[in-house]
Amino acid sequence: VSSDENSGSLVKLTGAKNKKFNVDVASTRYKEISTNSLTLDQIKVNESETKLRIDEDIIFTIKGRAENIDEIIKSAL
């Protein structure tokens, strides 16, 4: 993934021959805590940043929209 600020990097994942990775692509979510607000635990979504989770243990944060990252992954298959 390339942007104006950074150049992209190629990542190749290699696993066992007869097993598959579980891949999840979603926009980044975060909690906003404000001392003056009466509402608690507001979960917000950052549409310009994506979390790419592979199985349960590997998580990448990517600057870019989730739809674009999903298209890149599908085009590489």
PDB file of N, CA and C in Angstrom:
ATOM      1  N   VAL A   1       0.857  -1.165   0.000  1.00  0.00           N
ATOM      2  CA  VAL A   1       0.000   0.000   0.000  1.00  0.00           C
ATOM      3  C   VAL A   1       0.897   1.218   0.000  1.00  0.00           C
ATOM      4  N   SER A   2       0.677   2.112  -0.942  1.00  0.00           N
ATOM      5  CA  SER A   2       1.475   3.326  -1.038  1.00  0.00           C
ATOM      6  C   SER A   2       0.609   4.541  -0.753  1.00  0.00           C
ATOM      7  N   SER A   3       1.210   5.551  -0.137  1.00  0.00           N
ATOM      8  CA  SER A   3       0.525   6.816   0.107  1.00  0.00           C
ATOM      9  C   SER A   3       1.486   7.945  -0.233  1.00  0.00           C
ATOM     10  N   ASP A   4       1.036   9.183  -0.055  1.00  0.00           N
ATOM     11  CA  ASP A   4       1.897  10.327  -0.347  1.00  0.00           C
ATOM     12  C   ASP A   4       3.086  10.382   0.597  1.00  0.00           C
ATOM     13  N   GLU A   5       2.889   9.916   1.827  1.00  0.00           N
ATOM     14  CA  GLU A   5       3.937  10.006   2.841  1.00  0.00           C
ATOM     15  C   GLU A   5       4.901   8.821   2.819  1.00  0.00           C
ATOM     16  N   ASN A   6       4.408   7.633   2.494  1.00  0.00           N
ATOM     17  CA  ASN A   6       5.216   6.420   2.596  1.00  0.00           C
ATOM     18  C   ASN A   6       5.109   5.592   1.332  1.00  0.00           C
ATOM     19  N   SER A   7       6.158   4.852   1.044  1.00  0.00           N
ATOM     20  CA  SER A   7       6.093   3.907  -0.057  1.00  0.00           C
ATOM     21  C   SER A   7       5.656   2.556   0.491  1.00  0.00           C
ATOM     22  N   GLY A   8       5.105   1.729  -0.350  1.00  0.00           N
ATOM     23  CA  GLY A   8       4.572   0.447   0.086  1.00  0.00           C
ATOM     24  C   GLY A   8       5.645  -0.601   0.294  1.00  0.00           C
ATOM     25  N   SER A   9       5.275  -1.667   0.947  1.00  0.00           N
ATOM     26  CA  SER A   9       6.152  -2.802   1.182  1.00  0.00           C
ATOM     27  C   SER A   9       5.442  -4.068   0.751  1.00  0.00           C
ATOM     28  N   LEU A  10       6.190  -5.007   0.218  1.00  0.00           N
ATOM     29  CA  LEU A  10       5.640  -6.286  -0.200  1.00  0.00           C
ATOM     30  C   LEU A  10       5.712  -7.254   0.970  1.00  0.00           C
ATOM     31  N   VAL A  11       4.591  -7.882   1.275  1.00  0.00           N
ATOM     32  CA  VAL A  11       4.533  -8.860   2.363  1.00  0.00           C
ATOM     33  C   VAL A  11       4.039 -10.161   1.766  1.00  0.00           C
ATOM     34  N   LYS A  12       4.761 -11.243   2.007  1.00  0.00           N
ATOM     35  CA  LYS A  12       4.359 -12.558   1.530  1.00  0.00           C
ATOM     36  C   LYS A  12       4.224 -13.470   2.735  1.00  0.00           C
ATOM     37  N   LEU A  13       3.081 -14.125   2.850  1.00  0.00           N
ATOM     38  CA  LEU A  13       2.833 -15.042   3.950  1.00  0.00           C
ATOM     39  C   LEU A  13       2.861 -16.460   3.407  1.00  0.00           C
ATOM     40  N   THR A  14       3.657 -17.294   4.029  1.00  0.00           N
ATOM     41  CA  THR A  14       3.775 -18.684   3.606  1.00  0.00           C
ATOM     42  C   THR A  14       3.418 -19.575   4.779  1.00  0.00           C
ATOM     43  N   GLY A  15       2.488 -20.490   4.540  1.00  0.00           N
ATOM     44  CA  GLY A  15       2.057 -21.387   5.605  1.00  0.00           C
ATOM     45  C   GLY A  15       2.241 -22.834   5.197  1.00  0.00           C
ATOM     46  N   ALA A  16       1.648 -23.703   5.959  1.00  0.00           N
ATOM     47  CA  ALA A  16       1.709 -25.129   5.659  1.00  0.00           C
ATOM     48  C   ALA A  16       0.955 -25.410   4.363  1.00  0.00           C
ATOM     49  N   LYS A  17       1.322 -26.464   3.692  1.00  0.00           N
ATOM     50  CA  LYS A  17       0.786 -26.767   2.371  1.00  0.00           C
ATOM     51  C   LYS A  17      -0.726 -27.023   2.377  1.00  0.00           C
ATOM     52  N   ASN A  18      -1.240 -27.677   3.384  1.00  0.00           N
ATOM     53  CA  ASN A  18      -2.651 -28.047   3.389  1.00  0.00           C
ATOM     54  C   ASN A  18      -3.490 -27.229   4.365  1.00  0.00           C
ATOM     55  N   LYS A  19      -2.974 -26.104   4.865  1.00  0.00           N
ATOM     56  CA  LYS A  19      -3.710 -25.261   5.801  1.00  0.00           C
ATOM     57  C   LYS A  19      -3.901 -23.872   5.208  1.00  0.00           C
ATOM     58  N   LYS A  20      -4.917 -23.160   5.691  1.00  0.00           N
ATOM     59  CA  LYS A  20      -5.198 -21.809   5.225  1.00  0.00           C
ATOM     60  C   LYS A  20      -5.173 -20.845   6.402  1.00  0.00           C
ATOM     61  N   PHE A  21      -4.850 -19.581   6.100  1.00  0.00           N
ATOM     62  CA  PHE A  21      -4.897 -18.531   7.099  1.00  0.00           C
ATOM     63  C   PHE A  21      -6.325 -18.004   7.209  1.00  0.00           C
ATOM     64  N   ASN A  22      -6.732 -17.606   8.400  1.00  0.00           N
ATOM     65  CA  ASN A  22      -7.974 -16.866   8.594  1.00  0.00           C
ATOM     66  C   ASN A  22      -7.612 -15.390   8.573  1.00  0.00           C
ATOM     67  N   VAL A  23      -8.118 -14.655   7.583  1.00  0.00           N
ATOM     68  CA  VAL A  23      -7.766 -13.249   7.402  1.00  0.00           C
ATOM     69  C   VAL A  23      -9.004 -12.395   7.632  1.00  0.00           C
ATOM     70  N   ASP A  24      -8.844 -11.330   8.425  1.00  0.00           N
ATOM     71  CA  ASP A  24      -9.925 -10.399   8.699  1.00  0.00           C
ATOM     72  C   ASP A  24      -9.431  -8.990   8.409  1.00  0.00           C
ATOM     73  N   VAL A  25     -10.196  -8.240   7.605  1.00  0.00           N
ATOM     74  CA  VAL A  25      -9.866  -6.862   7.260  1.00  0.00           C
ATOM     75  C   VAL A  25     -10.996  -5.984   7.764  1.00  0.00           C
ATOM     76  N   ALA A  26     -10.670  -4.984   8.615  1.00  0.00           N
ATOM     77  CA  ALA A  26     -11.697  -4.101   9.165  1.00  0.00           C
ATOM     78  C   ALA A  26     -11.091  -2.737   9.478  1.00  0.00           C
ATOM     79  N   SER A  27     -11.947  -1.724   9.458  1.00  0.00           N
ATOM     80  CA  SER A  27     -11.507  -0.385   9.842  1.00  0.00           C
ATOM     81  C   SER A  27     -11.102  -0.389  11.305  1.00  0.00           C
ATOM     82  N   THR A  28     -10.161   0.478  11.651  1.00  0.00           N
ATOM     83  CA  THR A  28      -9.671   0.568  13.020  1.00  0.00           C
ATOM     84  C   THR A  28     -10.756   1.132  13.935  1.00  0.00           C
ATOM     85  N   ARG A  29     -10.915   0.537  15.100  1.00  0.00           N
ATOM     86  CA  ARG A  29     -11.878   1.003  16.096  1.00  0.00           C
ATOM     87  C   ARG A  29     -11.110   1.426  17.347  1.00  0.00           C
ATOM     88  N   TYR A  30     -11.612   2.464  17.986  1.00  0.00           N
ATOM     89  CA  TYR A  30     -10.962   2.951  19.202  1.00  0.00           C
ATOM     90  C   TYR A  30     -12.004   3.546  20.135  1.00  0.00           C
ATOM     91  N   LYS A  31     -11.658   3.626  21.414  1.00  0.00           N
ATOM     92  CA  LYS A  31     -12.537   4.248  22.404  1.00  0.00           C
ATOM     93  C   LYS A  31     -12.042   5.652  22.674  1.00  0.00           C
ATOM     94  N   GLU A  32     -12.969   6.576  22.701  1.00  0.00           N
ATOM     95  CA  GLU A  32     -12.627   7.955  23.022  1.00  0.00           C
ATOM     96  C   GLU A  32     -13.102   8.245  24.436  1.00  0.00           C
ATOM     97  N   ILE A  33     -12.175   8.654  25.279  1.00  0.00           N
ATOM     98  CA  ILE A  33     -12.496   8.935  26.679  1.00  0.00           C
ATOM     99  C   ILE A  33     -12.371  10.431  26.892  1.00  0.00           C
ATOM    100  N   SER A  34     -13.438  11.033  27.388  1.00  0.00           N
ATOM    101  CA  SER A  34     -13.465  12.465  27.648  1.00  0.00           C
ATOM    102  C   SER A  34     -13.864  12.690  29.094  1.00  0.00           C
ATOM    103  N   THR A  35     -13.173  13.592  29.778  1.00  0.00           N
ATOM    104  CA  THR A  35     -13.482  13.853  31.181  1.00  0.00           C
ATOM    105  C   THR A  35     -14.755  14.678  31.334  1.00  0.00           C
ATOM    106  N   ASN A  36     -15.146  15.424  30.299  1.00  0.00           N
ATOM    107  CA  ASN A  36     -16.319  16.288  30.383  1.00  0.00           C
ATOM    108  C   ASN A  36     -17.582  15.629  29.850  1.00  0.00           C
ATOM    109  N   SER A  37     -17.480  14.459  29.282  1.00  0.00           N
ATOM    110  CA  SER A  37     -18.618  13.810  28.656  1.00  0.00           C
ATOM    111  C   SER A  37     -19.347  12.894  29.632  1.00  0.00           C
ATOM    112  N   LEU A  38     -20.661  12.838  29.495  1.00  0.00           N
ATOM    113  CA  LEU A  38     -21.449  11.944  30.337  1.00  0.00           C
ATOM    114  C   LEU A  38     -21.544  10.542  29.756  1.00  0.00           C
ATOM    115  N   THR A  39     -21.294  10.409  28.468  1.00  0.00           N
ATOM    116  CA  THR A  39     -21.363   9.094  27.832  1.00  0.00           C
ATOM    117  C   THR A  39     -20.042   8.371  28.017  1.00  0.00           C
ATOM    118  N   LEU A  40     -20.132   7.079  28.267  1.00  0.00           N
ATOM    119  CA  LEU A  40     -18.942   6.271  28.495  1.00  0.00           C
ATOM    120  C   LEU A  40     -18.795   5.233  27.389  1.00  0.00           C
ATOM    121  N   ASP A  41     -17.592   4.790  27.181  1.00  0.00           N
ATOM    122  CA  ASP A  41     -17.285   3.701  26.255  1.00  0.00           C
ATOM    123  C   ASP A  41     -17.807   3.942  24.842  1.00  0.00           C
ATOM    124  N   GLN A  42     -17.595   5.131  24.321  1.00  0.00           N
ATOM    125  CA  GLN A  42     -17.957   5.398  22.936  1.00  0.00           C
ATOM    126  C   GLN A  42     -16.908   4.769  22.043  1.00  0.00           C
ATOM    127  N   ILE A  43     -17.341   3.868  21.176  1.00  0.00           N
ATOM    128  CA  ILE A  43     -16.434   3.242  20.232  1.00  0.00           C
ATOM    129  C   ILE A  43     -16.580   3.955  18.903  1.00  0.00           C
ATOM    130  N   LYS A  44     -15.466   4.468  18.390  1.00  0.00           N
ATOM    131  CA  LYS A  44     -15.468   5.196  17.126  1.00  0.00           C
ATOM    132  C   LYS A  44     -14.700   4.392  16.087  1.00  0.00           C
ATOM    133  N   VAL A  45     -14.948   4.703  14.817  1.00  0.00           N
ATOM    134  CA  VAL A  45     -14.321   3.998  13.709  1.00  0.00           C
ATOM    135  C   VAL A  45     -13.457   4.979  12.936  1.00  0.00           C
ATOM    136  N   ASN A  46     -12.212   4.593  12.675  1.00  0.00           N
ATOM    137  CA  ASN A  46     -11.302   5.390  11.859  1.00  0.00           C
ATOM    138  C   ASN A  46     -11.293   4.780  10.457  1.00  0.00           C
ATOM    139  N   GLU A  47     -11.965   5.427   9.512  1.00  0.00           N
ATOM    140  CA  GLU A  47     -12.097   4.897   8.157  1.00  0.00           C
ATOM    141  C   GLU A  47     -10.804   4.978   7.346  1.00  0.00           C
ATOM    142  N   SER A  48      -9.844   5.790   7.771  1.00  0.00           N
ATOM    143  CA  SER A  48      -8.612   5.953   6.997  1.00  0.00           C
ATOM    144  C   SER A  48      -7.495   5.024   7.462  1.00  0.00           C
ATOM    145  N   GLU A  49      -7.791   4.136   8.408  1.00  0.00           N
ATOM    146  CA  GLU A  49      -6.796   3.188   8.909  1.00  0.00           C
ATOM    147  C   GLU A  49      -7.447   1.815   9.029  1.00  0.00           C
ATOM    148  N   THR A  50      -6.694   0.771   8.687  1.00  0.00           N
ATOM    149  CA  THR A  50      -7.240  -0.583   8.627  1.00  0.00           C
ATOM    150  C   THR A  50      -6.428  -1.526   9.497  1.00  0.00           C
ATOM    151  N   LYS A  51      -7.118  -2.452  10.159  1.00  0.00           N
ATOM    152  CA  LYS A  51      -6.464  -3.536  10.892  1.00  0.00           C
ATOM    153  C   LYS A  51      -6.584  -4.800  10.051  1.00  0.00           C
ATOM    154  N   LEU A  52      -5.465  -5.421   9.780  1.00  0.00           N
ATOM    155  CA  LEU A  52      -5.422  -6.684   9.052  1.00  0.00           C
ATOM    156  C   LEU A  52      -5.007  -7.752  10.053  1.00  0.00           C
ATOM    157  N   ARG A  53      -5.935  -8.667  10.367  1.00  0.00           N
ATOM    158  CA  ARG A  53      -5.656  -9.724  11.335  1.00  0.00           C
ATOM    159  C   ARG A  53      -5.511 -11.047  10.599  1.00  0.00           C
ATOM    160  N   ILE A  54      -4.434 -11.756  10.894  1.00  0.00           N
ATOM    161  CA  ILE A  54      -4.171 -13.066  10.313  1.00  0.00           C
ATOM    162  C   ILE A  54      -4.179 -14.064  11.465  1.00  0.00           C
ATOM    163  N   ASP A  55      -5.083 -15.031  11.380  1.00  0.00           N
ATOM    164  CA  ASP A  55      -5.352 -15.957  12.476  1.00  0.00           C
ATOM    165  C   ASP A  55      -5.677 -15.133  13.730  1.00  0.00           C
ATOM    166  N   GLU A  56      -5.179 -15.492  14.862  1.00  0.00           N
ATOM    167  CA  GLU A  56      -5.479 -14.760  16.092  1.00  0.00           C
ATOM    168  C   GLU A  56      -4.290 -13.936  16.576  1.00  0.00           C
ATOM    169  N   ASP A  57      -3.098 -14.235  16.080  1.00  0.00           N
ATOM    170  CA  ASP A  57      -1.892 -13.685  16.690  1.00  0.00           C
ATOM    171  C   ASP A  57      -1.205 -12.575  15.905  1.00  0.00           C
ATOM    172  N   ILE A  58      -1.489 -12.420  14.635  1.00  0.00           N
ATOM    173  CA  ILE A  58      -0.758 -11.459  13.816  1.00  0.00           C
ATOM    174  C   ILE A  58      -1.710 -10.336  13.406  1.00  0.00           C
ATOM    175  N   ILE A  59      -1.362  -9.102  13.803  1.00  0.00           N
ATOM    176  CA  ILE A  59      -2.197  -7.949  13.478  1.00  0.00           C
ATOM    177  C   ILE A  59      -1.314  -6.855  12.886  1.00  0.00           C
ATOM    178  N   PHE A  60      -1.707  -6.355  11.700  1.00  0.00           N
ATOM    179  CA  PHE A  60      -1.029  -5.245  11.047  1.00  0.00           C
ATOM    180  C   PHE A  60      -1.954  -4.042  11.045  1.00  0.00           C
ATOM    181  N   THR A  61      -1.404  -2.852  11.248  1.00  0.00           N
ATOM    182  CA  THR A  61      -2.142  -1.612  11.073  1.00  0.00           C
ATOM    183  C   THR A  61      -1.660  -0.988   9.778  1.00  0.00           C
ATOM    184  N   ILE A  62      -2.602  -0.688   8.877  1.00  0.00           N
ATOM    185  CA  ILE A  62      -2.264  -0.185   7.553  1.00  0.00           C
ATOM    186  C   ILE A  62      -2.976   1.147   7.345  1.00  0.00           C
ATOM    187  N   LYS A  63      -2.227   2.151   6.888  1.00  0.00           N
ATOM    188  CA  LYS A  63      -2.826   3.438   6.553  1.00  0.00           C
ATOM    189  C   LYS A  63      -3.530   3.282   5.212  1.00  0.00           C
ATOM    190  N   GLY A  64      -4.827   3.247   5.232  1.00  0.00           N
ATOM    191  CA  GLY A  64      -5.627   3.096   4.021  1.00  0.00           C
ATOM    192  C   GLY A  64      -7.007   2.580   4.379  1.00  0.00           C
ATOM    193  N   ARG A  65      -7.941   2.743   3.458  1.00  0.00           N
ATOM    194  CA  ARG A  65      -9.318   2.300   3.686  1.00  0.00           C
ATOM    195  C   ARG A  65      -9.417   0.780   3.590  1.00  0.00           C
ATOM    196  N   ALA A  66     -10.306   0.199   4.380  1.00  0.00           N
ATOM    197  CA  ALA A  66     -10.473  -1.253   4.419  1.00  0.00           C
ATOM    198  C   ALA A  66     -10.884  -1.809   3.060  1.00  0.00           C
ATOM    199  N   GLU A  67     -11.708  -1.078   2.312  1.00  0.00           N
ATOM    200  CA  GLU A  67     -12.146  -1.540   0.997  1.00  0.00           C
ATOM    201  C   GLU A  67     -10.963  -1.671   0.041  1.00  0.00           C
ATOM    202  N   ASN A  68     -10.038  -0.716   0.097  1.00  0.00           N
ATOM    203  CA  ASN A  68      -8.859  -0.755  -0.779  1.00  0.00           C
ATOM    204  C   ASN A  68      -7.947  -1.928  -0.427  1.00  0.00           C
ATOM    205  N   ILE A  69      -7.760  -2.178   0.866  1.00  0.00           N
ATOM    206  CA  ILE A  69      -6.909  -3.283   1.310  1.00  0.00           C
ATOM    207  C   ILE A  69      -7.520  -4.615   0.899  1.00  0.00           C
ATOM    208  N   ASP A  70      -8.837  -4.720   1.038  1.00  0.00           N
ATOM    209  CA  ASP A  70      -9.547  -5.939   0.651  1.00  0.00           C
ATOM    210  C   ASP A  70      -9.385  -6.209  -0.846  1.00  0.00           C
ATOM    211  N   GLU A  71      -9.468  -5.184  -1.671  1.00  0.00           N
ATOM    212  CA  GLU A  71      -9.279  -5.323  -3.114  1.00  0.00           C
ATOM    213  C   GLU A  71      -7.861  -5.784  -3.457  1.00  0.00           C
ATOM    214  N   ILE A  72      -6.871  -5.255  -2.756  1.00  0.00           N
ATOM    215  CA  ILE A  72      -5.476  -5.644  -2.999  1.00  0.00           C
ATOM    216  C   ILE A  72      -5.282  -7.121  -2.678  1.00  0.00           C
ATOM    217  N   ILE A  73      -5.836  -7.564  -1.569  1.00  0.00           N
ATOM    218  CA  ILE A  73      -5.693  -8.971  -1.172  1.00  0.00           C
ATOM    219  C   ILE A  73      -6.372  -9.877  -2.174  1.00  0.00           C
ATOM    220  N   LYS A  74      -7.579  -9.547  -2.589  1.00  0.00           N
ATOM    221  CA  LYS A  74      -8.314 -10.379  -3.535  1.00  0.00           C
ATOM    222  C   LYS A  74      -7.654 -10.417  -4.911  1.00  0.00           C
ATOM    223  N   SER A  75      -7.016  -9.311  -5.325  1.00  0.00           N
ATOM    224  CA  SER A  75      -6.362  -9.291  -6.634  1.00  0.00           C
ATOM    225  C   SER A  75      -5.072 -10.114  -6.642  1.00  0.00           C
ATOM    226  N   ALA A  76      -4.478 -10.318  -5.459  1.00  0.00           N
ATOM    227  CA  ALA A  76      -3.225 -11.076  -5.372  1.00  0.00           C
ATOM    228  C   ALA A  76      -3.481 -12.581  -5.337  1.00  0.00           C
ATOM    229  N   LEU A  77      -4.719 -13.006  -5.110  1.00  0.00           N
ATOM    230  CA  LEU A  77      -5.025 -14.426  -5.024  1.00  0.00           C
ATOM    231  C   LEU A  77      -5.128 -15.019  -6.351  1.00  0.00           C
TER     232      LEU A  77
END
